[in-house]
Amino acid sequence: LYNALRDPVWPLYLGRKAFVPGEPVWLEDGLQAGTDLNAALDLQSYPWLGPAHRPRPKQLRLVVEDLQGSEVRPDQPLSFAPRSFAPRHVRTLFVDVKEPESSTVPASAEEV
């Protein structure tokens, strides 16, 4: 999976609605086997990868599949001819995006 994300043969689609990422999704240190979800969501160690004109958000909304999730989405494809779907369980997480520990922006510039 690590190599496939780094050098994809086909376009990558995220989510259920054919969302094609506008930027590469591969991270050099990647998500390693055995990493728990909370450790993977610690976004403090990653630089902001969004457009430079858009400020780093304070929080990100994530929807993850969870068999015990309280939200039900009727979008699990069963067949495409004829189209039929089954429910899947998800949960919504809100992850705080911490400021990087070392900031290169002078304090006076942050106040502007």
N, C-alpha and C. Protein backbone atom coordinates (compact mmCIF):
# COMPACT_ATOMS: atom_id res chain seq x y z
N LEU A 1 0.83 -1.19 0.00
CA LEU A 1 0.00 0.00 0.00
C LEU A 1 0.87 1.25 0.00
N TYR A 2 1.94 1.22 0.79
CA TYR A 2 2.86 2.35 0.87
C TYR A 2 3.39 2.72 -0.52
N ASN A 3 3.89 1.73 -1.25
CA ASN A 3 4.43 1.98 -2.59
C ASN A 3 3.34 2.36 -3.59
N ALA A 4 2.17 1.76 -3.45
CA ALA A 4 1.07 2.08 -4.36
C ALA A 4 0.62 3.52 -4.20
N LEU A 5 0.64 4.06 -2.98
CA LEU A 5 0.28 5.46 -2.77
C LEU A 5 1.37 6.39 -3.29
N ARG A 6 2.62 5.96 -3.18
CA ARG A 6 3.73 6.79 -3.65
C ARG A 6 3.75 6.89 -5.17
N ASP A 7 3.52 5.77 -5.85
CA ASP A 7 3.56 5.72 -7.31
C ASP A 7 2.29 5.06 -7.85
N PRO A 8 1.15 5.74 -7.77
CA PRO A 8 -0.10 5.10 -8.21
C PRO A 8 -0.12 4.88 -9.73
N VAL A 9 -0.66 3.74 -10.13
CA VAL A 9 -0.81 3.42 -11.55
C VAL A 9 -2.09 4.07 -12.08
N TRP A 10 -3.13 4.10 -11.27
CA TRP A 10 -4.42 4.66 -11.63
C TRP A 10 -4.72 5.84 -10.72
N PRO A 11 -5.65 6.71 -11.11
CA PRO A 11 -6.04 7.81 -10.22
C PRO A 11 -6.59 7.28 -8.90
N LEU A 12 -6.27 7.98 -7.83
CA LEU A 12 -6.76 7.60 -6.51
C LEU A 12 -8.11 8.26 -6.26
N TYR A 13 -9.02 7.53 -5.66
CA TYR A 13 -10.34 8.06 -5.30
C TYR A 13 -10.52 7.88 -3.81
N LEU A 14 -10.88 8.94 -3.12
CA LEU A 14 -11.09 8.88 -1.68
C LEU A 14 -12.58 9.06 -1.40
N GLY A 15 -13.09 8.30 -0.47
CA GLY A 15 -14.50 8.45 -0.12
C GLY A 15 -15.40 7.66 -1.03
N ARG A 16 -16.68 7.90 -0.88
CA ARG A 16 -17.68 7.13 -1.61
C ARG A 16 -18.19 7.84 -2.85
N LYS A 17 -17.84 9.07 -3.05
CA LYS A 17 -18.38 9.87 -4.16
C LYS A 17 -17.32 10.21 -5.19
N ALA A 18 -16.34 9.33 -5.36
CA ALA A 18 -15.30 9.50 -6.37
C ALA A 18 -14.55 10.82 -6.21
N PHE A 19 -14.15 11.14 -5.00
CA PHE A 19 -13.36 12.33 -4.73
C PHE A 19 -11.92 12.06 -5.14
N VAL A 20 -11.44 12.82 -6.10
CA VAL A 20 -10.06 12.68 -6.57
C VAL A 20 -9.23 13.75 -5.88
N PRO A 21 -8.23 13.35 -5.08
CA PRO A 21 -7.42 14.36 -4.39
C PRO A 21 -6.66 15.24 -5.38
N GLY A 22 -6.57 16.52 -5.03
CA GLY A 22 -5.86 17.47 -5.88
C GLY A 22 -4.37 17.50 -5.60
N GLU A 23 -3.96 16.90 -4.51
CA GLU A 23 -2.54 16.84 -4.12
C GLU A 23 -2.19 15.39 -3.84
N PRO A 24 -0.91 15.03 -3.89
CA PRO A 24 -0.51 13.65 -3.56
C PRO A 24 -0.91 13.29 -2.12
N VAL A 25 -1.31 12.03 -1.93
CA VAL A 25 -1.71 11.59 -0.59
C VAL A 25 -0.60 10.83 0.11
N TRP A 26 0.50 10.59 -0.56
CA TRP A 26 1.61 9.85 0.02
C TRP A 26 2.40 10.74 0.96
N LEU A 27 2.70 10.22 2.13
CA LEU A 27 3.56 10.91 3.10
C LEU A 27 4.83 10.07 3.26
N GLU A 28 5.96 10.75 3.34
CA GLU A 28 7.24 10.05 3.37
C GLU A 28 7.32 9.01 4.48
N ASP A 29 6.87 9.37 5.70
CA ASP A 29 6.96 8.40 6.79
C ASP A 29 5.75 7.49 6.82
N GLY A 30 4.71 7.82 6.08
CA GLY A 30 3.56 6.94 5.86
C GLY A 30 2.87 6.43 7.10
N LEU A 31 1.78 5.76 6.89
CA LEU A 31 1.04 5.09 7.95
C LEU A 31 1.56 3.66 8.01
N GLN A 32 2.16 3.30 9.12
CA GLN A 32 2.78 1.99 9.26
C GLN A 32 1.80 1.00 9.89
N ALA A 33 1.96 -0.28 9.55
CA ALA A 33 1.12 -1.33 10.13
C ALA A 33 1.25 -1.29 11.65
N GLY A 34 0.14 -1.43 12.33
CA GLY A 34 0.14 -1.43 13.78
C GLY A 34 -0.03 -0.06 14.40
N THR A 35 -0.04 1.00 13.59
CA THR A 35 -0.24 2.35 14.11
C THR A 35 -1.70 2.49 14.51
N ASP A 36 -1.96 2.92 15.73
CA ASP A 36 -3.36 3.07 16.12
C ASP A 36 -3.92 4.38 15.59
N LEU A 37 -5.23 4.47 15.52
CA LEU A 37 -5.90 5.61 14.89
C LEU A 37 -5.52 6.92 15.56
N ASN A 38 -5.45 6.94 16.88
CA ASN A 38 -5.12 8.19 17.58
C ASN A 38 -3.72 8.68 17.22
N ALA A 39 -2.76 7.76 17.13
CA ALA A 39 -1.40 8.15 16.75
C ALA A 39 -1.38 8.64 15.30
N ALA A 40 -2.14 7.99 14.44
CA ALA A 40 -2.17 8.39 13.03
C ALA A 40 -2.79 9.78 12.87
N LEU A 41 -3.69 10.15 13.77
CA LEU A 41 -4.38 11.43 13.66
C LEU A 41 -3.67 12.56 14.38
N ASP A 42 -2.50 12.28 14.95
CA ASP A 42 -1.73 13.34 15.58
C ASP A 42 -1.09 14.18 14.48
N LEU A 43 -1.75 15.24 14.11
CA LEU A 43 -1.35 16.03 12.95
C LEU A 43 -0.30 17.09 13.27
N GLN A 44 0.14 17.14 14.50
CA GLN A 44 1.10 18.17 14.89
C GLN A 44 2.43 18.00 14.16
N SER A 45 2.80 16.77 13.86
CA SER A 45 4.11 16.53 13.27
C SER A 45 4.15 16.77 11.77
N TYR A 46 3.00 17.02 11.14
CA TYR A 46 2.98 17.23 9.70
C TYR A 46 2.83 18.70 9.36
N PRO A 47 3.56 19.16 8.36
CA PRO A 47 3.38 20.54 7.92
C PRO A 47 2.02 20.68 7.24
N TRP A 48 1.49 21.90 7.19
CA TRP A 48 0.23 22.15 6.50
C TRP A 48 0.46 21.93 5.02
N LEU A 49 -0.27 21.00 4.42
CA LEU A 49 -0.10 20.65 3.01
C LEU A 49 -1.13 21.32 2.12
N GLY A 50 -1.99 22.12 2.72
CA GLY A 50 -2.99 22.82 1.93
C GLY A 50 -2.41 24.00 1.18
N PRO A 51 -3.24 24.65 0.36
CA PRO A 51 -2.76 25.81 -0.39
C PRO A 51 -2.23 26.89 0.56
N ALA A 52 -1.19 27.57 0.12
CA ALA A 52 -0.56 28.59 0.96
C ALA A 52 -1.52 29.72 1.31
N HIS A 53 -2.47 30.02 0.43
CA HIS A 53 -3.41 31.12 0.69
C HIS A 53 -4.51 30.73 1.68
N ARG A 54 -4.61 29.46 2.01
CA ARG A 54 -5.64 29.00 2.94
C ARG A 54 -4.98 28.70 4.29
N PRO A 55 -5.46 29.31 5.37
CA PRO A 55 -4.81 29.08 6.66
C PRO A 55 -5.02 27.66 7.17
N ARG A 56 -4.09 27.22 7.98
CA ARG A 56 -4.19 25.90 8.61
C ARG A 56 -5.46 25.87 9.46
N PRO A 57 -6.34 24.87 9.28
CA PRO A 57 -7.58 24.83 10.07
C PRO A 57 -7.30 24.47 11.52
N LYS A 58 -8.22 24.83 12.39
CA LYS A 58 -8.09 24.49 13.81
C LYS A 58 -8.55 23.05 14.06
N GLN A 59 -9.45 22.56 13.18
CA GLN A 59 -10.03 21.25 13.38
C GLN A 59 -10.38 20.63 12.02
N LEU A 60 -10.26 19.30 11.93
CA LEU A 60 -10.66 18.58 10.73
C LEU A 60 -11.79 17.62 11.06
N ARG A 61 -12.73 17.48 10.16
CA ARG A 61 -13.84 16.54 10.32
C ARG A 61 -13.51 15.29 9.52
N LEU A 62 -13.52 14.13 10.19
CA LEU A 62 -13.24 12.86 9.54
C LEU A 62 -14.42 11.93 9.72
N VAL A 63 -14.79 11.24 8.67
CA VAL A 63 -15.83 10.22 8.75
C VAL A 63 -15.15 8.89 8.48
N VAL A 64 -15.17 7.99 9.47
CA VAL A 64 -14.48 6.71 9.34
C VAL A 64 -15.47 5.57 9.49
N GLU A 65 -15.22 4.49 8.75
CA GLU A 65 -16.06 3.31 8.89
C GLU A 65 -15.83 2.70 10.26
N ASP A 66 -16.93 2.29 10.90
CA ASP A 66 -16.86 1.72 12.23
C ASP A 66 -18.08 0.82 12.40
N LEU A 67 -17.84 -0.47 12.55
CA LEU A 67 -18.97 -1.40 12.68
C LEU A 67 -19.87 -1.07 13.85
N GLN A 68 -19.34 -0.39 14.86
CA GLN A 68 -20.12 0.02 16.03
C GLN A 68 -20.60 1.48 15.90
N GLY A 69 -20.36 2.10 14.76
CA GLY A 69 -20.71 3.51 14.57
C GLY A 69 -22.21 3.73 14.64
N SER A 70 -22.59 4.89 15.15
CA SER A 70 -24.01 5.19 15.34
C SER A 70 -24.65 5.80 14.09
N GLU A 71 -23.84 6.25 13.14
CA GLU A 71 -24.38 6.82 11.91
C GLU A 71 -24.45 5.73 10.83
N VAL A 72 -25.53 5.74 10.06
CA VAL A 72 -25.70 4.76 9.00
C VAL A 72 -25.74 5.49 7.66
N ARG A 73 -24.94 5.04 6.73
CA ARG A 73 -24.93 5.60 5.37
C ARG A 73 -25.33 4.50 4.40
N PRO A 74 -26.39 4.68 3.64
CA PRO A 74 -26.83 3.64 2.69
C PRO A 74 -26.08 3.73 1.37
N ASP A 75 -24.75 3.58 1.40
CA ASP A 75 -23.97 3.80 0.19
C ASP A 75 -22.91 2.73 -0.08
N GLN A 76 -23.05 1.56 0.55
CA GLN A 76 -22.12 0.46 0.29
C GLN A 76 -22.58 -0.27 -0.97
N PRO A 77 -21.86 -0.12 -2.09
CA PRO A 77 -22.32 -0.75 -3.34
C PRO A 77 -22.41 -2.28 -3.22
N LEU A 78 -23.53 -2.81 -3.64
CA LEU A 78 -23.71 -4.26 -3.74
C LEU A 78 -23.65 -4.69 -5.20
N SER A 79 -24.24 -3.87 -6.05
CA SER A 79 -24.29 -4.17 -7.48
C SER A 79 -24.38 -2.87 -8.25
N PHE A 80 -23.80 -2.86 -9.43
CA PHE A 80 -23.90 -1.67 -10.27
C PHE A 80 -24.86 -1.89 -11.44
N ALA A 81 -25.32 -3.12 -11.64
CA ALA A 81 -26.29 -3.39 -12.70
C ALA A 81 -27.24 -4.47 -12.22
N PRO A 82 -28.39 -4.19 -11.71
CA PRO A 82 -28.91 -2.86 -11.39
C PRO A 82 -28.22 -2.32 -10.13
N ARG A 83 -28.25 -1.01 -9.99
CA ARG A 83 -27.61 -0.38 -8.84
C ARG A 83 -28.37 -0.74 -7.56
N SER A 84 -27.60 -1.23 -6.58
CA SER A 84 -28.19 -1.48 -5.26
C SER A 84 -27.11 -1.25 -4.21
N PHE A 85 -27.56 -0.79 -3.06
CA PHE A 85 -26.63 -0.40 -2.00
C PHE A 85 -27.08 -0.97 -0.67
N ALA A 86 -26.12 -1.19 0.20
CA ALA A 86 -26.38 -1.66 1.55
C ALA A 86 -25.95 -0.58 2.53
N PRO A 87 -26.45 -0.64 3.75
CA PRO A 87 -26.00 0.35 4.74
C PRO A 87 -24.60 0.02 5.25
N ARG A 88 -23.89 1.04 5.66
CA ARG A 88 -22.61 0.86 6.35
C ARG A 88 -22.60 1.80 7.54
N HIS A 89 -21.92 1.41 8.59
CA HIS A 89 -21.86 2.20 9.81
C HIS A 89 -20.58 3.03 9.83
N VAL A 90 -20.72 4.28 10.22
CA VAL A 90 -19.59 5.19 10.31
C VAL A 90 -19.68 5.98 11.61
N ARG A 91 -18.60 6.63 11.94
CA ARG A 91 -18.62 7.61 13.03
C ARG A 91 -17.86 8.84 12.57
N THR A 92 -18.26 9.97 13.09
CA THR A 92 -17.62 11.23 12.74
C THR A 92 -16.69 11.65 13.86
N LEU A 93 -15.47 11.97 13.50
CA LEU A 93 -14.47 12.44 14.45
C LEU A 93 -14.09 13.86 14.11
N PHE A 94 -13.82 14.64 15.12
CA PHE A 94 -13.27 15.98 14.91
C PHE A 94 -11.89 15.98 15.54
N VAL A 95 -10.89 16.20 14.71
CA VAL A 95 -9.50 16.13 15.15
C VAL A 95 -8.94 17.53 15.24
N ASP A 96 -8.43 17.88 16.42
CA ASP A 96 -7.78 19.17 16.58
C ASP A 96 -6.45 19.17 15.83
N VAL A 97 -6.22 20.22 15.08
CA VAL A 97 -4.96 20.38 14.36
C VAL A 97 -4.12 21.32 15.20
N LYS A 98 -3.10 20.77 15.82
CA LYS A 98 -2.24 21.58 16.68
C LYS A 98 -1.28 22.40 15.84
N GLU A 99 -0.89 23.51 16.39
CA GLU A 99 0.14 24.32 15.73
C GLU A 99 1.45 23.56 15.80
N PRO A 100 2.28 23.66 14.78
CA PRO A 100 3.58 22.99 14.83
C PRO A 100 4.38 23.49 16.03
N GLU A 101 5.19 22.59 16.59
CA GLU A 101 5.99 22.96 17.77
C GLU A 101 7.00 24.05 17.45
N SER A 102 7.57 24.01 16.26
CA SER A 102 8.52 25.06 15.90
C SER A 102 7.90 25.90 14.80
N SER A 103 7.67 27.15 15.09
CA SER A 103 7.06 28.05 14.13
C SER A 103 8.13 28.94 13.52
N THR A 104 8.06 29.10 12.20
CA THR A 104 9.03 29.96 11.54
C THR A 104 8.47 31.37 11.36
N VAL A 105 7.23 31.60 11.81
CA VAL A 105 6.61 32.91 11.68
C VAL A 105 6.93 33.72 12.92
N PRO A 106 7.50 34.89 12.80
CA PRO A 106 7.78 35.72 13.98
C PRO A 106 6.48 36.08 14.70
N ALA A 107 6.54 36.22 16.01
CA ALA A 107 5.35 36.52 16.81
C ALA A 107 4.65 37.77 16.33
N SER A 108 5.40 38.77 15.90
CA SER A 108 4.78 40.02 15.45
C SER A 108 3.96 39.81 14.19
N ALA A 109 4.36 38.88 13.32
CA ALA A 109 3.63 38.62 12.09
C ALA A 109 2.33 37.89 12.37
N GLU A 110 2.28 37.07 13.45
CA GLU A 110 1.07 36.34 13.79
C GLU A 110 -0.05 37.26 14.23
N GLU A 111 0.30 38.43 14.77
CA GLU A 111 -0.71 39.35 15.29
C GLU A 111 -1.38 40.15 14.19
N VAL A 112 -0.78 40.22 13.02
CA VAL A 112 -1.30 41.04 11.92
C VAL A 112 -2.54 40.44 11.34
